[in-house]
């Protein structure tokens, strides 16, 4: 991955931390995004923190534009943003279902729509 530009959403989460660290260790330039990510979360010279709420399509577009402005390209997108609210299906409310669909599908849709054309 030497000098490849990798955009990782959900970079601050449990899986995201491990994946981000692995890409940085392999020599990639990593742009990491989470709602509350900061540059200090990954103190590495090849890491760029870009906070974004991917439920907002304008923030997903800003994420892609920021990576392109910095690196000129996006070689790979690793979409790890999302979540799960556990519980039995028959006890799941519509509000919880909507929250999971937004976190896992709508955020992915906004991100892919912003990144793929580039």
PDB file of N, CA and C in Angstrom:
ATOM      1  N   UNK A   1       0.830  -1.198   0.000  1.00  0.00           N
ATOM      2  CA  UNK A   1       0.000   0.000   0.000  1.00  0.00           C
ATOM      3  C   UNK A   1       0.869   1.255   0.000  1.00  0.00           C
ATOM      4  N   UNK A   2       2.120   1.110  -0.255  1.00  0.00           N
ATOM      5  CA  UNK A   2       3.042   2.234  -0.186  1.00  0.00           C
ATOM      6  C   UNK A   2       2.536   3.429  -0.982  1.00  0.00           C
ATOM      7  N   UNK A   3       2.246   4.500  -0.272  1.00  0.00           N
ATOM      8  CA  UNK A   3       1.806   5.783  -0.817  1.00  0.00           C
ATOM      9  C   UNK A   3       0.443   5.738  -1.516  1.00  0.00           C
ATOM     10  N   UNK A   4      -0.354   4.715  -1.272  1.00  0.00           N
ATOM     11  CA  UNK A   4      -1.723   4.697  -1.758  1.00  0.00           C
ATOM     12  C   UNK A   4      -2.557   5.579  -0.831  1.00  0.00           C
ATOM     13  N   UNK A   5      -3.575   6.234  -1.377  1.00  0.00           N
ATOM     14  CA  UNK A   5      -4.450   7.091  -0.580  1.00  0.00           C
ATOM     15  C   UNK A   5      -5.700   6.299  -0.226  1.00  0.00           C
ATOM     16  N   UNK A   6      -5.894   6.091   1.080  1.00  0.00           N
ATOM     17  CA  UNK A   6      -7.008   5.286   1.564  1.00  0.00           C
ATOM     18  C   UNK A   6      -7.901   6.157   2.430  1.00  0.00           C
ATOM     19  N   UNK A   7      -9.175   6.189   2.114  1.00  0.00           N
ATOM     20  CA  UNK A   7     -10.178   6.880   2.920  1.00  0.00           C
ATOM     21  C   UNK A   7     -10.894   5.839   3.762  1.00  0.00           C
ATOM     22  N   UNK A   8     -10.862   6.030   5.082  1.00  0.00           N
ATOM     23  CA  UNK A   8     -11.493   5.089   6.003  1.00  0.00           C
ATOM     24  C   UNK A   8     -12.565   5.820   6.798  1.00  0.00           C
ATOM     25  N   UNK A   9     -13.811   5.405   6.631  1.00  0.00           N
ATOM     26  CA  UNK A   9     -14.885   5.961   7.450  1.00  0.00           C
ATOM     27  C   UNK A   9     -15.016   5.086   8.690  1.00  0.00           C
ATOM     28  N   UNK A  10     -15.439   5.691   9.778  1.00  0.00           N
ATOM     29  CA  UNK A  10     -15.517   4.944  11.031  1.00  0.00           C
ATOM     30  C   UNK A  10     -14.140   4.637  11.586  1.00  0.00           C
ATOM     31  N   UNK A  11     -13.167   5.476  11.243  1.00  0.00           N
ATOM     32  CA  UNK A  11     -11.771   5.221  11.610  1.00  0.00           C
ATOM     33  C   UNK A  11     -11.539   5.209  13.113  1.00  0.00           C
ATOM     34  N   UNK A  12     -12.378   5.885  13.854  1.00  0.00           N
ATOM     35  CA  UNK A  12     -12.183   5.977  15.307  1.00  0.00           C
ATOM     36  C   UNK A  12     -12.828   4.820  16.070  1.00  0.00           C
ATOM     37  N   UNK A  13     -13.640   4.013  15.408  1.00  0.00           N
ATOM     38  CA  UNK A  13     -14.317   2.898  16.066  1.00  0.00           C
ATOM     39  C   UNK A  13     -13.375   1.738  16.343  1.00  0.00           C
ATOM     40  N   UNK A  14     -13.902   0.699  16.971  1.00  0.00           N
ATOM     41  CA  UNK A  14     -13.086  -0.460  17.337  1.00  0.00           C
ATOM     42  C   UNK A  14     -12.391  -1.100  16.148  1.00  0.00           C
ATOM     43  N   UNK A  15     -13.134  -1.505  15.135  1.00  0.00           N
ATOM     44  CA  UNK A  15     -12.538  -2.081  13.926  1.00  0.00           C
ATOM     45  C   UNK A  15     -11.760  -1.019  13.158  1.00  0.00           C
ATOM     46  N   UNK A  16     -12.312   0.188  13.104  1.00  0.00           N
ATOM     47  CA  UNK A  16     -11.667   1.275  12.373  1.00  0.00           C
ATOM     48  C   UNK A  16     -10.270   1.590  12.870  1.00  0.00           C
ATOM     49  N   UNK A  17     -10.069   1.561  14.170  1.00  0.00           N
ATOM     50  CA  UNK A  17      -8.733   1.835  14.744  1.00  0.00           C
ATOM     51  C   UNK A  17      -7.712   0.824  14.243  1.00  0.00           C
ATOM     52  N   UNK A  18      -8.089  -0.441  14.268  1.00  0.00           N
ATOM     53  CA  UNK A  18      -7.165  -1.493  13.826  1.00  0.00           C
ATOM     54  C   UNK A  18      -6.861  -1.384  12.334  1.00  0.00           C
ATOM     55  N   UNK A  19      -7.893  -1.153  11.538  1.00  0.00           N
ATOM     56  CA  UNK A  19      -7.705  -1.048  10.089  1.00  0.00           C
ATOM     57  C   UNK A  19      -6.876   0.180   9.743  1.00  0.00           C
ATOM     58  N   UNK A  20      -7.166   1.304  10.386  1.00  0.00           N
ATOM     59  CA  UNK A  20      -6.405   2.529  10.138  1.00  0.00           C
ATOM     60  C   UNK A  20      -4.940   2.325  10.486  1.00  0.00           C
ATOM     61  N   UNK A  21      -4.680   1.738  11.633  1.00  0.00           N
ATOM     62  CA  UNK A  21      -3.299   1.482  12.057  1.00  0.00           C
ATOM     63  C   UNK A  21      -2.592   0.553  11.074  1.00  0.00           C
ATOM     64  N   UNK A  22      -3.290  -0.471  10.584  1.00  0.00           N
ATOM     65  CA  UNK A  22      -2.691  -1.405   9.627  1.00  0.00           C
ATOM     66  C   UNK A  22      -2.329  -0.697   8.317  1.00  0.00           C
ATOM     67  N   UNK A  23      -3.214   0.144   7.813  1.00  0.00           N
ATOM     68  CA  UNK A  23      -2.909   0.862   6.570  1.00  0.00           C
ATOM     69  C   UNK A  23      -1.752   1.830   6.766  1.00  0.00           C
ATOM     70  N   UNK A  24      -1.733   2.531   7.886  1.00  0.00           N
ATOM     71  CA  UNK A  24      -0.618   3.433   8.158  1.00  0.00           C
ATOM     72  C   UNK A  24       0.698   2.664   8.255  1.00  0.00           C
ATOM     73  N   UNK A  25       0.676   1.507   8.884  1.00  0.00           N
ATOM     74  CA  UNK A  25       1.877   0.676   9.019  1.00  0.00           C
ATOM     75  C   UNK A  25       2.368   0.153   7.680  1.00  0.00           C
ATOM     76  N   UNK A  26       1.449   0.024   6.722  1.00  0.00           N
ATOM     77  CA  UNK A  26       1.832  -0.491   5.399  1.00  0.00           C
ATOM     78  C   UNK A  26       2.321   0.607   4.461  1.00  0.00           C
ATOM     79  N   UNK A  27       2.356   1.854   4.937  1.00  0.00           N
ATOM     80  CA  UNK A  27       2.877   2.947   4.120  1.00  0.00           C
ATOM     81  C   UNK A  27       1.838   3.737   3.355  1.00  0.00           C
ATOM     82  N   UNK A  28       0.568   3.529   3.653  1.00  0.00           N
ATOM     83  CA  UNK A  28      -0.492   4.268   2.966  1.00  0.00           C
ATOM     84  C   UNK A  28      -0.669   5.652   3.585  1.00  0.00           C
ATOM     85  N   UNK A  29      -1.159   6.574   2.773  1.00  0.00           N
ATOM     86  CA  UNK A  29      -1.661   7.849   3.279  1.00  0.00           C
ATOM     87  C   UNK A  29      -3.118   7.580   3.654  1.00  0.00           C
ATOM     88  N   UNK A  30      -3.496   7.888   4.881  1.00  0.00           N
ATOM     89  CA  UNK A  30      -4.844   7.563   5.349  1.00  0.00           C
ATOM     90  C   UNK A  30      -5.590   8.833   5.724  1.00  0.00           C
ATOM     91  N   UNK A  31      -6.751   9.004   5.116  1.00  0.00           N
ATOM     92  CA  UNK A  31      -7.700  10.030   5.540  1.00  0.00           C
ATOM     93  C   UNK A  31      -8.756   9.287   6.337  1.00  0.00           C
ATOM     94  N   UNK A  32      -8.857   9.611   7.616  1.00  0.00           N
ATOM     95  CA  UNK A  32      -9.788   8.915   8.478  1.00  0.00           C
ATOM     96  C   UNK A  32     -10.932   9.818   8.886  1.00  0.00           C
ATOM     97  N   UNK A  33     -12.126   9.249   8.869  1.00  0.00           N
ATOM     98  CA  UNK A  33     -13.298  10.024   9.213  1.00  0.00           C
ATOM     99  C   UNK A  33     -14.131   9.310  10.267  1.00  0.00           C
ATOM    100  N   UNK A  34     -14.647  10.086  11.185  1.00  0.00           N
ATOM    101  CA  UNK A  34     -15.652   9.714  12.177  1.00  0.00           C
ATOM    102  C   UNK A  34     -16.281  11.025  12.604  1.00  0.00           C
ATOM    103  N   UNK A  35     -17.391  10.950  13.292  1.00  0.00           N
ATOM    104  CA  UNK A  35     -18.038  12.204  13.701  1.00  0.00           C
ATOM    105  C   UNK A  35     -17.155  13.053  14.599  1.00  0.00           C
ATOM    106  N   UNK A  36     -16.390  12.438  15.481  1.00  0.00           N
ATOM    107  CA  UNK A  36     -15.609  13.218  16.452  1.00  0.00           C
ATOM    108  C   UNK A  36     -14.110  12.947  16.354  1.00  0.00           C
ATOM    109  N   UNK A  37     -13.621  12.605  15.199  1.00  0.00           N
ATOM    110  CA  UNK A  37     -12.204  12.278  15.053  1.00  0.00           C
ATOM    111  C   UNK A  37     -11.352  13.544  15.102  1.00  0.00           C
ATOM    112  N   UNK A  38     -10.146  13.393  15.621  1.00  0.00           N
ATOM    113  CA  UNK A  38      -9.191  14.504  15.690  1.00  0.00           C
ATOM    114  C   UNK A  38      -7.830  13.999  15.228  1.00  0.00           C
ATOM    115  N   UNK A  39      -7.003  14.912  14.809  1.00  0.00           N
ATOM    116  CA  UNK A  39      -5.669  14.560  14.339  1.00  0.00           C
ATOM    117  C   UNK A  39      -4.894  13.800  15.417  1.00  0.00           C
ATOM    118  N   UNK A  40      -5.139  14.131  16.672  1.00  0.00           N
ATOM    119  CA  UNK A  40      -4.432  13.484  17.777  1.00  0.00           C
ATOM    120  C   UNK A  40      -4.866  12.041  18.010  1.00  0.00           C
ATOM    121  N   UNK A  41      -5.965  11.597  17.398  1.00  0.00           N
ATOM    122  CA  UNK A  41      -6.395  10.208  17.552  1.00  0.00           C
ATOM    123  C   UNK A  41      -5.410   9.238  16.909  1.00  0.00           C
ATOM    124  N   UNK A  42      -4.739   9.692  15.870  1.00  0.00           N
ATOM    125  CA  UNK A  42      -3.718   8.898  15.185  1.00  0.00           C
ATOM    126  C   UNK A  42      -2.519   9.810  14.924  1.00  0.00           C
ATOM    127  N   UNK A  43      -1.624   9.952  15.885  1.00  0.00           N
ATOM    128  CA  UNK A  43      -0.493  10.859  15.722  1.00  0.00           C
ATOM    129  C   UNK A  43       0.555  10.284  14.758  1.00  0.00           C
ATOM    130  N   UNK A  44       0.238  10.340  13.490  1.00  0.00           N
ATOM    131  CA  UNK A  44       1.094   9.778  12.441  1.00  0.00           C
ATOM    132  C   UNK A  44       1.178  10.814  11.326  1.00  0.00           C
ATOM    133  N   UNK A  45       2.347  11.021  10.759  1.00  0.00           N
ATOM    134  CA  UNK A  45       2.478  12.066   9.718  1.00  0.00           C
ATOM    135  C   UNK A  45       1.676  11.806   8.446  1.00  0.00           C
ATOM    136  N   UNK A  46       1.299  10.560   8.205  1.00  0.00           N
ATOM    137  CA  UNK A  46       0.546  10.236   6.991  1.00  0.00           C
ATOM    138  C   UNK A  46      -0.948  10.086   7.244  1.00  0.00           C
ATOM    139  N   UNK A  47      -1.416  10.623   8.376  1.00  0.00           N
ATOM    140  CA  UNK A  47      -2.825  10.535   8.723  1.00  0.00           C
ATOM    141  C   UNK A  47      -3.475  11.912   8.660  1.00  0.00           C
ATOM    142  N   UNK A  48      -4.646  11.966   8.061  1.00  0.00           N
ATOM    143  CA  UNK A  48      -5.434  13.189   7.996  1.00  0.00           C
ATOM    144  C   UNK A  48      -6.806  12.914   8.597  1.00  0.00           C
ATOM    145  N   UNK A  49      -7.139  13.607   9.674  1.00  0.00           N
ATOM    146  CA  UNK A  49      -8.444  13.449  10.333  1.00  0.00           C
ATOM    147  C   UNK A  49      -9.449  14.403   9.695  1.00  0.00           C
ATOM    148  N   UNK A  50     -10.614  13.856   9.323  1.00  0.00           N
ATOM    149  CA  UNK A  50     -11.674  14.669   8.738  1.00  0.00           C
ATOM    150  C   UNK A  50     -12.985  14.314   9.432  1.00  0.00           C
ATOM    151  N   UNK A  51     -13.400  15.119  10.413  1.00  0.00           N
ATOM    152  CA  UNK A  51     -14.677  14.835  11.071  1.00  0.00           C
ATOM    153  C   UNK A  51     -15.834  15.003  10.083  1.00  0.00           C
ATOM    154  N   UNK A  52     -16.785  14.074  10.119  1.00  0.00           N
ATOM    155  CA  UNK A  52     -17.947  14.171   9.236  1.00  0.00           C
ATOM    156  C   UNK A  52     -19.085  13.326   9.779  1.00  0.00           C
ATOM    157  N   UNK A  53     -20.282  13.853   9.647  1.00  0.00           N
ATOM    158  CA  UNK A  53     -21.495  13.097   9.928  1.00  0.00           C
ATOM    159  C   UNK A  53     -22.022  12.641   8.568  1.00  0.00           C
ATOM    160  N   UNK A  54     -21.838  11.386   8.252  1.00  0.00           N
ATOM    161  CA  UNK A  54     -22.154  10.882   6.923  1.00  0.00           C
ATOM    162  C   UNK A  54     -23.645  10.751   6.650  1.00  0.00           C
ATOM    163  N   UNK A  55     -24.476  11.058   7.639  1.00  0.00           N
ATOM    164  CA  UNK A  55     -25.913  11.135   7.379  1.00  0.00           C
ATOM    165  C   UNK A  55     -26.265  12.420   6.652  1.00  0.00           C
ATOM    166  N   UNK A  56     -25.335  13.347   6.619  1.00  0.00           N
ATOM    167  CA  UNK A  56     -25.510  14.625   5.912  1.00  0.00           C
ATOM    168  C   UNK A  56     -24.764  14.521   4.582  1.00  0.00           C
ATOM    169  N   UNK A  57     -25.478  14.505   3.459  1.00  0.00           N
ATOM    170  CA  UNK A  57     -24.804  14.341   2.167  1.00  0.00           C
ATOM    171  C   UNK A  57     -23.776  15.431   1.880  1.00  0.00           C
ATOM    172  N   UNK A  58     -23.989  16.638   2.384  1.00  0.00           N
ATOM    173  CA  UNK A  58     -23.004  17.696   2.137  1.00  0.00           C
ATOM    174  C   UNK A  58     -21.703  17.423   2.893  1.00  0.00           C
ATOM    175  N   UNK A  59     -21.796  16.781   4.054  1.00  0.00           N
ATOM    176  CA  UNK A  59     -20.574  16.437   4.787  1.00  0.00           C
ATOM    177  C   UNK A  59     -19.842  15.274   4.120  1.00  0.00           C
ATOM    178  N   UNK A  60     -20.570  14.339   3.546  1.00  0.00           N
ATOM    179  CA  UNK A  60     -19.936  13.254   2.792  1.00  0.00           C
ATOM    180  C   UNK A  60     -19.215  13.821   1.574  1.00  0.00           C
ATOM    181  N   UNK A  61     -19.842  14.765   0.889  1.00  0.00           N
ATOM    182  CA  UNK A  61     -19.202  15.409  -0.265  1.00  0.00           C
ATOM    183  C   UNK A  61     -17.963  16.183   0.174  1.00  0.00           C
ATOM    184  N   UNK A  62     -18.069  16.894   1.289  1.00  0.00           N
ATOM    185  CA  UNK A  62     -16.922  17.636   1.820  1.00  0.00           C
ATOM    186  C   UNK A  62     -15.769  16.688   2.166  1.00  0.00           C
ATOM    187  N   UNK A  63     -16.100  15.525   2.701  1.00  0.00           N
ATOM    188  CA  UNK A  63     -15.088  14.527   3.023  1.00  0.00           C
ATOM    189  C   UNK A  63     -14.298  14.144   1.776  1.00  0.00           C
ATOM    190  N   UNK A  64     -15.000  13.791   0.716  1.00  0.00           N
ATOM    191  CA  UNK A  64     -14.331  13.408  -0.536  1.00  0.00           C
ATOM    192  C   UNK A  64     -13.522  14.568  -1.105  1.00  0.00           C
ATOM    193  N   UNK A  65     -14.096  15.753  -1.097  1.00  0.00           N
ATOM    194  CA  UNK A  65     -13.403  16.930  -1.636  1.00  0.00           C
ATOM    195  C   UNK A  65     -12.143  17.256  -0.839  1.00  0.00           C
ATOM    196  N   UNK A  66     -12.186  17.075   0.472  1.00  0.00           N
ATOM    197  CA  UNK A  66     -11.023  17.355   1.312  1.00  0.00           C
ATOM    198  C   UNK A  66      -9.881  16.388   1.002  1.00  0.00           C
ATOM    199  N   UNK A  67     -10.209  15.114   0.828  1.00  0.00           N
ATOM    200  CA  UNK A  67      -9.183  14.122   0.490  1.00  0.00           C
ATOM    201  C   UNK A  67      -8.586  14.441  -0.873  1.00  0.00           C
ATOM    202  N   UNK A  68      -9.430  14.767  -1.835  1.00  0.00           N
ATOM    203  CA  UNK A  68      -8.936  15.090  -3.177  1.00  0.00           C
ATOM    204  C   UNK A  68      -8.087  16.353  -3.183  1.00  0.00           C
ATOM    205  N   UNK A  69      -8.470  17.344  -2.396  1.00  0.00           N
ATOM    206  CA  UNK A  69      -7.691  18.580  -2.323  1.00  0.00           C
ATOM    207  C   UNK A  69      -6.308  18.314  -1.730  1.00  0.00           C
ATOM    208  N   UNK A  70      -6.238  17.400  -0.776  1.00  0.00           N
ATOM    209  CA  UNK A  70      -4.968  17.111  -0.100  1.00  0.00           C
ATOM    210  C   UNK A  70      -4.075  16.190  -0.925  1.00  0.00           C
ATOM    211  N   UNK A  71      -4.668  15.122  -1.496  1.00  0.00           N
ATOM    212  CA  UNK A  71      -3.867  14.078  -2.143  1.00  0.00           C
ATOM    213  C   UNK A  71      -4.046  13.973  -3.657  1.00  0.00           C
ATOM    214  N   UNK A  72      -5.120  14.560  -4.182  1.00  0.00           N
ATOM    215  CA  UNK A  72      -5.348  14.505  -5.619  1.00  0.00           C
ATOM    216  C   UNK A  72      -6.038  13.248  -6.111  1.00  0.00           C
ATOM    217  N   UNK A  73      -6.276  12.307  -5.218  1.00  0.00           N
ATOM    218  CA  UNK A  73      -6.912  11.047  -5.623  1.00  0.00           C
ATOM    219  C   UNK A  73      -7.376  10.289  -4.383  1.00  0.00           C
ATOM    220  N   UNK A  74      -8.221   9.291  -4.620  1.00  0.00           N
ATOM    221  CA  UNK A  74      -8.609   8.328  -3.593  1.00  0.00           C
ATOM    222  C   UNK A  74      -8.429   6.957  -4.236  1.00  0.00           C
ATOM    223  N   UNK A  75      -7.462   6.191  -3.737  1.00  0.00           N
ATOM    224  CA  UNK A  75      -7.186   4.875  -4.309  1.00  0.00           C
ATOM    225  C   UNK A  75      -8.090   3.790  -3.741  1.00  0.00           C
ATOM    226  N   UNK A  76      -8.514   3.952  -2.497  1.00  0.00           N
ATOM    227  CA  UNK A  76      -9.373   2.941  -1.870  1.00  0.00           C
ATOM    228  C   UNK A  76     -10.266   3.602  -0.834  1.00  0.00           C
ATOM    229  N   UNK A  77     -11.474   3.087  -0.732  1.00  0.00           N
ATOM    230  CA  UNK A  77     -12.417   3.504   0.297  1.00  0.00           C
ATOM    231  C   UNK A  77     -12.731   2.290   1.153  1.00  0.00           C
ATOM    232  N   UNK A  78     -12.519   2.423   2.463  1.00  0.00           N
ATOM    233  CA  UNK A  78     -12.876   1.375   3.406  1.00  0.00           C
ATOM    234  C   UNK A  78     -13.983   1.959   4.274  1.00  0.00           C
ATOM    235  N   UNK A  79     -15.207   1.538   4.005  1.00  0.00           N
ATOM    236  CA  UNK A  79     -16.350   2.111   4.709  1.00  0.00           C
ATOM    237  C   UNK A  79     -16.685   1.245   5.914  1.00  0.00           C
ATOM    238  N   UNK A  80     -16.322   1.740   7.109  1.00  0.00           N
ATOM    239  CA  UNK A  80     -16.560   1.009   8.344  1.00  0.00           C
ATOM    240  C   UNK A  80     -17.543   1.722   9.266  1.00  0.00           C
ATOM    241  N   UNK A  81     -17.994   2.892   8.874  1.00  0.00           N
ATOM    242  CA  UNK A  81     -18.947   3.633   9.708  1.00  0.00           C
ATOM    243  C   UNK A  81     -20.249   2.853   9.794  1.00  0.00           C
ATOM    244  N   UNK A  82     -20.822   2.835  10.956  1.00  0.00           N
ATOM    245  CA  UNK A  82     -22.089   2.140  11.140  1.00  0.00           C
ATOM    246  C   UNK A  82     -22.259   1.746  12.592  1.00  0.00           C
ATOM    247  N   UNK A  83     -23.223   0.916  12.826  1.00  0.00           N
ATOM    248  CA  UNK A  83     -23.456   0.486  14.188  1.00  0.00           C
ATOM    249  C   UNK A  83     -24.612  -0.490  14.267  1.00  0.00           C
ATOM    250  N   UNK A  84     -24.818  -1.001  15.458  1.00  0.00           N
ATOM    251  CA  UNK A  84     -25.889  -1.965  15.682  1.00  0.00           C
ATOM    252  C   UNK A  84     -26.448  -1.757  17.071  1.00  0.00           C
ATOM    253  N   UNK A  85     -27.741  -1.720  17.154  1.00  0.00           N
ATOM    254  CA  UNK A  85     -28.416  -1.685  18.436  1.00  0.00           C
ATOM    255  C   UNK A  85     -29.011  -3.071  18.647  1.00  0.00           C
ATOM    256  N   UNK A  86     -28.449  -3.788  19.585  1.00  0.00           N
ATOM    257  CA  UNK A  86     -28.848  -5.168  19.810  1.00  0.00           C
ATOM    258  C   UNK A  86     -30.248  -5.295  20.382  1.00  0.00           C
ATOM    259  N   UNK A  87     -30.730  -6.488  20.343  1.00  0.00           N
ATOM    260  CA  UNK A  87     -32.043  -6.774  20.903  1.00  0.00           C
ATOM    261  C   UNK A  87     -32.793  -7.748  20.029  1.00  0.00           C
ATOM    262  N   UNK A  88     -33.833  -8.286  20.573  1.00  0.00           N
ATOM    263  CA  UNK A  88     -34.669  -9.224  19.841  1.00  0.00           C
ATOM    264  C   UNK A  88     -35.469  -8.479  18.776  1.00  0.00           C
ATOM    265  N   UNK A  89     -35.610  -9.088  17.631  1.00  0.00           N
ATOM    266  CA  UNK A  89     -36.326  -8.461  16.521  1.00  0.00           C
ATOM    267  C   UNK A  89     -37.723  -8.019  16.931  1.00  0.00           C
ATOM    268  N   UNK A  90     -38.431  -8.847  17.621  1.00  0.00           N
ATOM    269  CA  UNK A  90     -39.817  -8.514  17.986  1.00  0.00           C
ATOM    270  C   UNK A  90     -39.892  -7.387  19.015  1.00  0.00           C
ATOM    271  N   UNK A  91     -38.763  -7.027  19.615  1.00  0.00           N
ATOM    272  CA  UNK A  91     -38.723  -5.914  20.562  1.00  0.00           C
ATOM    273  C   UNK A  91     -38.124  -4.644  19.960  1.00  0.00           C
ATOM    274  N   UNK A  92     -37.702  -4.712  18.706  1.00  0.00           N
ATOM    275  CA  UNK A  92     -37.083  -3.575  18.034  1.00  0.00           C
ATOM    276  C   UNK A  92     -38.151  -2.581  17.585  1.00  0.00           C
ATOM    277  N   UNK A  93     -38.003  -1.346  18.005  1.00  0.00           N
ATOM    278  CA  UNK A  93     -38.967  -0.309  17.614  1.00  0.00           C
ATOM    279  C   UNK A  93     -38.642   0.206  16.217  1.00  0.00           C
ATOM    280  N   UNK A  94     -39.596   0.864  15.608  1.00  0.00           N
ATOM    281  CA  UNK A  94     -39.356   1.485  14.307  1.00  0.00           C
ATOM    282  C   UNK A  94     -38.250   2.534  14.405  1.00  0.00           C
ATOM    283  N   UNK A  95     -38.207   3.260  15.512  1.00  0.00           N
ATOM    284  CA  UNK A  95     -37.182   4.294  15.688  1.00  0.00           C
ATOM    285  C   UNK A  95     -35.783   3.680  15.723  1.00  0.00           C
ATOM    286  N   UNK A  96     -35.625   2.561  16.408  1.00  0.00           N
ATOM    287  CA  UNK A  96     -34.327   1.885  16.451  1.00  0.00           C
ATOM    288  C   UNK A  96     -33.981   1.339  15.068  1.00  0.00           C
ATOM    289  N   UNK A  97     -34.952   0.749  14.401  1.00  0.00           N
ATOM    290  CA  UNK A  97     -34.735   0.236  13.042  1.00  0.00           C
ATOM    291  C   UNK A  97     -34.278   1.361  12.109  1.00  0.00           C
ATOM    292  N   UNK A  98     -34.964   2.502  12.159  1.00  0.00           N
ATOM    293  CA  UNK A  98     -34.591   3.642  11.324  1.00  0.00           C
ATOM    294  C   UNK A  98     -33.176   4.118  11.640  1.00  0.00           C
ATOM    295  N   UNK A  99     -32.830   4.139  12.916  1.00  0.00           N
ATOM    296  CA  UNK A  99     -31.490   4.554  13.330  1.00  0.00           C
ATOM    297  C   UNK A  99     -30.422   3.620  12.741  1.00  0.00           C
ATOM    298  N   UNK A 100     -30.671   2.319  12.788  1.00  0.00           N
ATOM    299  CA  UNK A 100     -29.705   1.361  12.232  1.00  0.00           C
ATOM    300  C   UNK A 100     -29.625   1.465  10.711  1.00  0.00           C
ATOM    301  N   UNK A 101     -30.760   1.663  10.059  1.00  0.00           N
ATOM    302  CA  UNK A 101     -30.741   1.799   8.598  1.00  0.00           C
ATOM    303  C   UNK A 101     -29.980   3.063   8.180  1.00  0.00           C
ATOM    304  N   UNK A 102     -30.180   4.143   8.916  1.00  0.00           N
ATOM    305  CA  UNK A 102     -29.450   5.373   8.622  1.00  0.00           C
ATOM    306  C   UNK A 102     -27.959   5.177   8.828  1.00  0.00           C
ATOM    307  N   UNK A 103     -27.585   4.618   9.975  1.00  0.00           N
ATOM    308  CA  UNK A 103     -26.166   4.454  10.304  1.00  0.00           C
ATOM    309  C   UNK A 103     -25.462   3.506   9.345  1.00  0.00           C
ATOM    310  N   UNK A 104     -26.157   2.485   8.891  1.00  0.00           N
ATOM    311  CA  UNK A 104     -25.500   1.450   8.100  1.00  0.00           C
ATOM    312  C   UNK A 104     -25.735   1.550   6.595  1.00  0.00           C
ATOM    313  N   UNK A 105     -26.850   2.094   6.170  1.00  0.00           N
ATOM    314  CA  UNK A 105     -27.125   2.170   4.733  1.00  0.00           C
ATOM    315  C   UNK A 105     -27.091   3.597   4.192  1.00  0.00           C
ATOM    316  N   UNK A 106     -27.776   4.507   4.839  1.00  0.00           N
ATOM    317  CA  UNK A 106     -27.812   5.875   4.334  1.00  0.00           C
ATOM    318  C   UNK A 106     -26.412   6.489   4.351  1.00  0.00           C
ATOM    319  N   UNK A 107     -25.654   6.265   5.419  1.00  0.00           N
ATOM    320  CA  UNK A 107     -24.289   6.797   5.491  1.00  0.00           C
ATOM    321  C   UNK A 107     -23.421   6.202   4.379  1.00  0.00           C
ATOM    322  N   UNK A 108     -23.574   4.915   4.119  1.00  0.00           N
ATOM    323  CA  UNK A 108     -22.818   4.273   3.036  1.00  0.00           C
ATOM    324  C   UNK A 108     -23.213   4.869   1.681  1.00  0.00           C
ATOM    325  N   UNK A 109     -24.505   5.030   1.453  1.00  0.00           N
ATOM    326  CA  UNK A 109     -24.994   5.614   0.202  1.00  0.00           C
ATOM    327  C   UNK A 109     -24.394   7.003  -0.028  1.00  0.00           C
ATOM    328  N   UNK A 110     -24.446   7.862   0.987  1.00  0.00           N
ATOM    329  CA  UNK A 110     -23.910   9.207   0.841  1.00  0.00           C
ATOM    330  C   UNK A 110     -22.406   9.177   0.557  1.00  0.00           C
ATOM    331  N   UNK A 111     -21.698   8.302   1.244  1.00  0.00           N
ATOM    332  CA  UNK A 111     -20.250   8.218   1.060  1.00  0.00           C
ATOM    333  C   UNK A 111     -19.908   7.693  -0.329  1.00  0.00           C
ATOM    334  N   UNK A 112     -20.515   6.597  -0.734  1.00  0.00           N
ATOM    335  CA  UNK A 112     -20.218   6.021  -2.054  1.00  0.00           C
ATOM    336  C   UNK A 112     -20.574   7.006  -3.162  1.00  0.00           C
ATOM    337  N   UNK A 113     -21.702   7.684  -3.020  1.00  0.00           N
ATOM    338  CA  UNK A 113     -22.131   8.655  -4.032  1.00  0.00           C
ATOM    339  C   UNK A 113     -21.129   9.802  -4.143  1.00  0.00           C
ATOM    340  N   UNK A 114     -20.509  10.173  -3.041  1.00  0.00           N
ATOM    341  CA  UNK A 114     -19.536  11.259  -3.055  1.00  0.00           C
ATOM    342  C   UNK A 114     -18.180  10.820  -3.600  1.00  0.00           C
ATOM    343  N   UNK A 115     -17.802   9.570  -3.346  1.00  0.00           N
ATOM    344  CA  UNK A 115     -16.449   9.112  -3.685  1.00  0.00           C
ATOM    345  C   UNK A 115     -16.361   8.469  -5.065  1.00  0.00           C
ATOM    346  N   UNK A 116     -17.312   7.646  -5.429  1.00  0.00           N
ATOM    347  CA  UNK A 116     -17.194   6.847  -6.667  1.00  0.00           C
ATOM    348  C   UNK A 116     -16.949   7.688  -7.920  1.00  0.00           C
ATOM    349  N   UNK A 117     -17.642   8.801  -8.139  1.00  0.00           N
ATOM    350  CA  UNK A 117     -17.376   9.556  -9.374  1.00  0.00           C
ATOM    351  C   UNK A 117     -15.946  10.095  -9.471  1.00  0.00           C
ATOM    352  N   UNK A 118     -15.296  10.201  -8.345  1.00  0.00           N
ATOM    353  CA  UNK A 118     -13.951  10.751  -8.343  1.00  0.00           C
ATOM    354  C   UNK A 118     -12.919   9.690  -8.583  1.00  0.00           C
TER     355      UNK A 118
END
